[in-house]
């Protein structure tokens, strides 16, 4: 399965070293980093007063 994927050699060695005999990769994807997405910002703004209230 991994043979048809285009991975950098370093990453491919890391993935191959983690596989046990008989294991196969069915899906591989790297995350797309996003910083301060709207949903995470809303969650953080809600969590600050919620945590303060819960600790009080």
Protein backbone atom coordinates (compact mmCIF):
# COMPACT_ATOMS: atom_id res chain seq x y z
CA UNK A 1 0.00 0.00 0.00
CA UNK A 2 2.77 2.41 0.87
CA UNK A 3 4.55 1.90 -2.44
CA UNK A 4 2.11 4.07 -4.43
CA UNK A 5 2.38 7.03 -2.02
CA UNK A 6 4.76 9.92 -2.53
CA UNK A 7 6.51 10.44 0.79
CA UNK A 8 9.84 12.07 1.55
CA UNK A 9 12.47 9.38 2.20
CA UNK A 10 12.94 10.38 5.85
CA UNK A 11 9.21 10.13 6.59
CA UNK A 12 8.94 6.85 4.70
CA UNK A 13 11.73 5.32 6.84
CA UNK A 14 9.94 6.47 10.01
CA UNK A 15 6.65 4.94 8.90
CA UNK A 16 8.30 1.69 7.83
CA UNK A 17 10.09 1.40 11.17
CA UNK A 18 6.79 1.63 13.07
CA UNK A 19 5.02 -1.11 11.12
CA UNK A 20 4.93 -4.61 12.53
CA UNK A 21 5.06 -7.68 10.27
CA UNK A 22 1.72 -8.12 8.54
CA UNK A 23 0.61 -4.51 9.05
CA UNK A 24 -0.32 -2.41 6.05
CA UNK A 25 -0.99 1.28 5.56
CA UNK A 26 -4.52 1.91 4.33
CA UNK A 27 -4.57 5.67 4.64
CA UNK A 28 -1.90 8.27 5.24
CA UNK A 29 -2.30 12.01 5.36
CA UNK A 30 -0.43 14.82 7.02
CA UNK A 31 -2.40 17.52 8.83
CA UNK A 32 -2.73 20.99 7.39
CA UNK A 33 -1.69 23.30 10.22
CA UNK A 34 -4.04 26.16 11.00
CA UNK A 35 -3.52 28.60 13.81
CA UNK A 36 -6.45 30.33 15.49
CA UNK A 37 -9.26 28.87 13.46
CA UNK A 38 -12.66 30.38 14.23
CA UNK A 39 -13.91 27.25 15.97
CA UNK A 40 -10.82 26.93 18.17
CA UNK A 41 -10.91 30.63 19.08
CA UNK A 42 -14.54 30.32 20.18
CA UNK A 43 -13.72 27.24 22.25
CA UNK A 44 -10.80 28.95 23.98
CA UNK A 45 -12.81 32.10 24.72
CA UNK A 46 -15.57 29.95 26.21
CA UNK A 47 -13.15 27.76 28.19
CA UNK A 48 -11.45 30.60 30.06
CA UNK A 49 -14.49 31.81 32.05
CA UNK A 50 -15.87 28.26 32.28
CA UNK A 51 -12.68 27.00 33.91
CA UNK A 52 -12.61 29.98 36.27
CA UNK A 53 -16.21 29.29 37.28
CA UNK A 54 -15.58 25.55 37.69
CA UNK A 55 -12.56 26.13 39.93
CA UNK A 56 -14.37 28.71 42.04
